[in-house]
Amino acid sequence: MKKLRIALALTVALGLFLLYRAGILGVFAEPAKLKQALIDLGPWGQLAFVASYTALQPFGVPGTVFVMAAPLVWPWPVAFALSMIGTMAASVVGFSFARFVGRDWVADKVPARIRAYEAALERRAFVTVALLRFIFWMPQWLHVFLGVSKVPFWTHFWGSVVGYAVPLFLMSYFGEALFAVLRTLSTEAWIAIALGMVFLVAGGWYVARRRGKRAIPPLGPTPAALPEQRS
């Protein structure tokens, strides 16, 4: 296990170093140059996309940057395939880092309210992983939560595939048209979209929290299980 942790840590460090030396990190820091840079790389652009996605997203770069950029560079089938490969690779790295490398350190970073879902996760692991990925996609805290949980690796893997499939397909298929529309939106429309996203996330969080609470077993015996007191 110790050798595996060292190997994973060295792999991540090597990947970041190679991306830095190749100048890829600087490109992703300037979204305006991203599309042209990937096109100029030709077939290597796809490899650079997946490698950058895999190495950067688990450690702070939003995955939506990559998912939204892909349909602007490639036809939607290629964008969908690359987005799915990159998203799954980043999820596996984040999950594996939390489970095998930094488990003792990241375990304390999981909010207490998120831990309330562990019972539901153990009872319905596949469905819960798929639902969480469908609603929240790929935030770093979700990688950590699933990594420190008792969910088996392959359950997490295939549950994530199912959860990601529809959102990534929609982003890949409608991404270019969506950007064309977004460029014409007014400030009021942007505010309305932001409020809608806030309500959507809050609603998903509320539903997940209610389900998590119902799945938590009560502490101690129930009143029905207590012996009757003698008069």
Protein backbone atom coordinates (compact mmCIF):
# COMPACT_ATOMS: atom_id res chain seq x y z
CA MET A 1 0.00 0.00 0.00
CA LYS A 2 2.83 2.40 0.83
CA LYS A 3 4.46 1.76 -2.56
CA LEU A 4 1.12 2.42 -4.27
CA ARG A 5 0.78 5.76 -2.48
CA ILE A 6 4.28 6.79 -3.50
CA ALA A 7 3.66 5.72 -7.10
CA LEU A 8 0.41 7.71 -7.31
CA ALA A 9 1.99 10.81 -5.80
CA LEU A 10 4.98 10.62 -8.16
CA THR A 11 2.70 10.09 -11.17
CA VAL A 12 0.68 13.21 -10.36
CA ALA A 13 3.82 15.26 -9.71
CA LEU A 14 5.43 14.07 -12.96
CA GLY A 15 2.29 14.86 -14.94
CA LEU A 16 2.13 18.41 -13.56
CA PHE A 17 5.84 18.93 -14.28
CA LEU A 18 5.52 17.75 -17.88
CA LEU A 19 2.49 19.98 -18.46
CA TYR A 20 4.39 22.91 -17.02
CA ARG A 21 7.45 22.27 -19.20
CA ALA A 22 5.26 21.95 -22.28
CA GLY A 23 3.58 25.28 -21.52
CA ILE A 24 0.14 23.70 -21.26
CA LEU A 25 -0.55 25.14 -17.79
CA GLY A 26 -0.07 28.66 -19.08
CA VAL A 27 -2.49 28.05 -21.93
CA PHE A 28 -5.25 26.88 -19.61
CA ALA A 29 -4.69 29.95 -17.48
CA GLU A 30 -5.70 32.07 -20.51
CA PRO A 31 -8.99 30.67 -21.91
CA ALA A 32 -8.87 33.00 -24.92
CA LYS A 33 -5.80 31.13 -26.21
CA LEU A 34 -7.05 27.66 -25.35
CA LYS A 35 -8.98 26.87 -28.54
CA GLN A 36 -6.26 27.95 -30.93
CA ALA A 37 -3.54 26.25 -28.88
CA LEU A 38 -5.36 22.92 -29.00
CA ILE A 39 -6.02 23.25 -32.72
CA ASP A 40 -2.37 24.09 -33.39
CA LEU A 41 -1.30 20.93 -31.56
CA GLY A 42 -3.26 18.77 -34.01
CA PRO A 43 -3.74 15.17 -32.80
CA TRP A 44 -1.54 15.99 -29.81
CA GLY A 45 -4.14 18.54 -28.77
CA GLN A 46 -6.51 15.77 -27.75
CA LEU A 47 -3.81 14.14 -25.64
CA ALA A 48 -2.92 17.50 -24.08
CA PHE A 49 -6.60 18.10 -23.31
CA VAL A 50 -7.06 14.78 -21.51
CA ALA A 51 -3.70 14.99 -19.72
CA SER A 52 -4.34 18.52 -18.51
CA TYR A 53 -7.88 17.66 -17.44
CA THR A 54 -6.66 14.61 -15.53
CA ALA A 55 -3.83 16.40 -13.74
CA LEU A 56 -5.42 19.77 -13.00
CA GLN A 57 -9.09 19.20 -12.19
CA PRO A 58 -8.63 17.08 -9.03
CA PHE A 59 -6.42 19.79 -7.55
CA GLY A 60 -8.47 22.93 -8.07
CA VAL A 61 -9.10 23.76 -11.75
CA PRO A 62 -12.87 23.59 -12.48
CA GLY A 63 -13.78 20.72 -14.77
CA THR A 64 -16.38 22.87 -16.50
CA VAL A 65 -13.53 24.82 -18.11
CA PHE A 66 -12.55 21.69 -20.03
CA VAL A 67 -16.07 20.44 -20.71
CA MET A 68 -17.16 23.81 -22.08
CA ALA A 69 -14.02 24.21 -24.21
CA ALA A 70 -14.19 20.80 -25.90
CA PRO A 71 -17.22 21.42 -28.20
CA LEU A 72 -15.65 24.71 -29.32
CA VAL A 73 -12.61 22.85 -30.62
CA TRP A 74 -13.88 19.49 -31.92
CA PRO A 75 -17.10 18.02 -33.41
CA TRP A 76 -19.53 16.98 -30.69
CA PRO A 77 -18.84 13.19 -30.86
CA VAL A 78 -15.12 13.84 -30.35
CA ALA A 79 -15.83 16.46 -27.69
CA PHE A 80 -18.13 14.04 -25.85
CA ALA A 81 -15.58 11.21 -25.95
CA LEU A 82 -12.72 13.43 -24.77
CA SER A 83 -14.87 15.04 -22.07
CA MET A 84 -15.94 11.64 -20.75
CA ILE A 85 -12.38 10.28 -20.79
CA GLY A 86 -10.98 13.38 -19.12
CA THR A 87 -13.76 13.59 -16.54
CA MET A 88 -13.44 9.93 -15.60
CA ALA A 89 -9.64 10.11 -15.47
CA ALA A 90 -9.81 13.18 -13.21
CA SER A 91 -12.42 11.51 -11.01
CA VAL A 92 -10.28 8.39 -10.66
CA VAL A 93 -7.22 10.49 -9.74
CA GLY A 94 -9.19 12.52 -7.17
CA PHE A 95 -10.84 9.40 -5.74
CA SER A 96 -7.56 7.45 -5.61
CA PHE A 97 -5.62 10.34 -4.08
CA ALA A 98 -8.19 10.66 -1.29
CA ARG A 99 -8.30 6.90 -0.67
CA PHE A 100 -4.67 5.83 -1.04
CA VAL A 101 -2.42 8.86 -0.71
CA GLY A 102 -3.85 11.62 1.46
CA ARG A 103 -6.65 9.79 3.25
CA ASP A 104 -5.60 10.81 6.76
CA TRP A 105 -5.20 14.43 5.70
CA VAL A 106 -8.31 14.86 3.52
CA ALA A 107 -10.66 12.86 5.76
CA ASP A 108 -10.96 15.83 8.11
CA LYS A 109 -11.82 18.11 5.19
CA VAL A 110 -15.18 16.42 4.54
CA PRO A 111 -17.97 18.56 6.05
CA ALA A 112 -19.98 16.93 8.82
CA ARG A 113 -23.24 17.38 6.91
CA ILE A 114 -21.78 15.39 4.00
CA ARG A 115 -20.84 12.53 6.30
CA ALA A 116 -24.53 12.13 7.09
CA TYR A 117 -24.91 10.49 3.67
CA GLU A 118 -22.46 7.68 4.38
CA ALA A 119 -25.19 5.31 5.57
CA ALA A 120 -27.20 5.84 2.38
CA LEU A 121 -24.02 5.46 0.34
CA GLU A 122 -23.27 2.08 1.92
CA ARG A 123 -26.84 0.82 1.40
CA ARG A 124 -27.30 2.02 -2.20
CA ALA A 125 -23.76 2.74 -3.33
CA PHE A 126 -24.16 2.59 -7.12
CA VAL A 127 -27.38 4.62 -7.27
CA THR A 128 -26.08 7.19 -4.78
CA VAL A 129 -22.80 7.68 -6.67
CA ALA A 130 -24.66 8.07 -9.97
CA LEU A 131 -27.09 10.58 -8.44
CA LEU A 132 -24.35 12.64 -6.80
CA ARG A 133 -22.35 12.75 -10.03
CA PHE A 134 -25.44 13.68 -12.04
CA ILE A 135 -26.32 16.58 -9.71
CA PHE A 136 -22.92 17.90 -8.64
CA TRP A 137 -20.66 16.60 -11.45
CA MET A 138 -17.00 16.68 -10.37
CA PRO A 139 -16.23 19.04 -7.48
CA GLN A 140 -13.08 18.22 -5.53
CA TRP A 141 -15.00 17.73 -2.29
CA LEU A 142 -17.08 14.99 -3.93
CA HIS A 143 -13.90 13.17 -5.04
CA VAL A 144 -12.73 13.34 -1.42
CA PHE A 145 -16.04 12.22 0.07
CA LEU A 146 -16.30 9.19 -2.20
CA GLY A 147 -12.60 8.41 -1.76
CA VAL A 148 -12.74 8.25 2.04
CA SER A 149 -16.05 6.36 2.01
CA LYS A 150 -16.39 2.58 1.84
CA VAL A 151 -17.61 2.59 -1.75
CA PRO A 152 -15.66 0.00 -3.81
CA PHE A 153 -13.53 1.44 -6.59
CA TRP A 154 -15.45 -0.16 -9.46
CA THR A 155 -18.81 0.82 -7.97
CA HIS A 156 -17.57 4.40 -7.91
CA PHE A 157 -16.21 4.08 -11.44
CA TRP A 158 -19.34 2.75 -13.13
CA GLY A 159 -21.68 4.86 -11.01
CA SER A 160 -19.73 7.92 -12.11
CA VAL A 161 -19.94 6.88 -15.77
CA VAL A 162 -23.73 6.66 -15.53
CA GLY A 163 -24.01 9.94 -13.63
CA TYR A 164 -21.78 11.87 -16.03
CA ALA A 165 -23.20 10.52 -19.30
CA VAL A 166 -26.25 12.75 -19.76
CA PRO A 167 -24.75 16.09 -18.60
CA LEU A 168 -21.59 15.60 -20.69
CA PHE A 169 -23.61 14.58 -23.74
CA LEU A 170 -25.80 17.68 -23.46
CA MET A 171 -22.78 19.95 -23.02
CA SER A 172 -20.99 18.38 -25.99
CA TYR A 173 -24.00 18.36 -28.32
CA PHE A 174 -25.39 21.81 -27.50
CA GLY A 175 -22.18 23.46 -26.29
CA GLU A 176 -21.35 25.49 -29.39
CA ALA A 177 -24.94 26.67 -29.87
CA LEU A 178 -25.16 27.45 -26.17
CA PHE A 179 -22.12 29.70 -26.34
CA ALA A 180 -23.56 31.52 -29.32
CA VAL A 181 -26.68 32.26 -27.29
CA LEU A 182 -24.77 33.22 -24.15
CA ARG A 183 -22.84 35.88 -26.04
CA THR A 184 -26.10 37.73 -26.73
CA LEU A 185 -27.54 37.58 -23.21
CA SER A 186 -28.17 40.74 -21.23
CA THR A 187 -27.05 41.36 -17.66
CA GLU A 188 -30.58 40.68 -16.40
CA ALA A 189 -30.60 37.30 -18.14
CA TRP A 190 -27.25 36.37 -16.58
CA ILE A 191 -28.62 37.26 -13.14
CA ALA A 192 -31.71 35.11 -13.74
CA ILE A 193 -29.54 32.17 -14.85
CA ALA A 194 -27.32 32.53 -11.79
CA LEU A 195 -30.33 32.57 -9.47
CA GLY A 196 -31.77 29.55 -11.24
CA MET A 197 -28.52 27.63 -10.77
CA VAL A 198 -28.44 28.56 -7.08
CA PHE A 199 -31.99 27.28 -6.58
CA LEU A 200 -31.23 24.11 -8.55
CA VAL A 201 -28.14 23.29 -6.49
CA ALA A 202 -29.91 24.16 -3.25
CA GLY A 203 -32.84 21.92 -4.22
CA GLY A 204 -30.55 19.00 -5.05
CA TRP A 205 -28.64 19.48 -1.80
CA TYR A 206 -31.91 19.59 0.20
CA VAL A 207 -33.24 16.40 -1.39
CA ALA A 208 -29.94 14.58 -0.83
CA ARG A 209 -29.85 15.76 2.78
CA ARG A 210 -33.39 14.55 3.47
CA ARG A 211 -32.56 11.15 2.00
CA GLY A 212 -29.37 11.00 4.04
CA LYS A 213 -31.22 11.74 7.27
CA ARG A 214 -33.82 9.05 6.60
CA ALA A 215 -31.04 6.53 5.98
CA ILE A 216 -29.27 7.24 9.29
CA PRO A 217 -30.29 4.62 11.92
CA PRO A 218 -31.58 6.03 15.21
CA LEU A 219 -29.19 6.14 18.14
CA GLY A 220 -30.13 3.82 20.97
CA PRO A 221 -33.28 1.73 21.36
CA THR A 222 -36.58 3.05 20.15
CA PRO A 223 -39.37 3.65 22.70
CA ALA A 224 -41.09 0.48 21.53
CA ALA A 225 -37.99 -1.53 22.36
CA LEU A 226 -37.70 -0.23 25.93
CA PRO A 227 -38.96 -2.53 28.69
CA GLU A 228 -42.15 -1.42 30.34
CA GLN A 229 -41.69 0.12 33.75
CA ARG A 230 -43.37 -1.61 36.66
CA SER A 231 -45.90 0.36 38.57
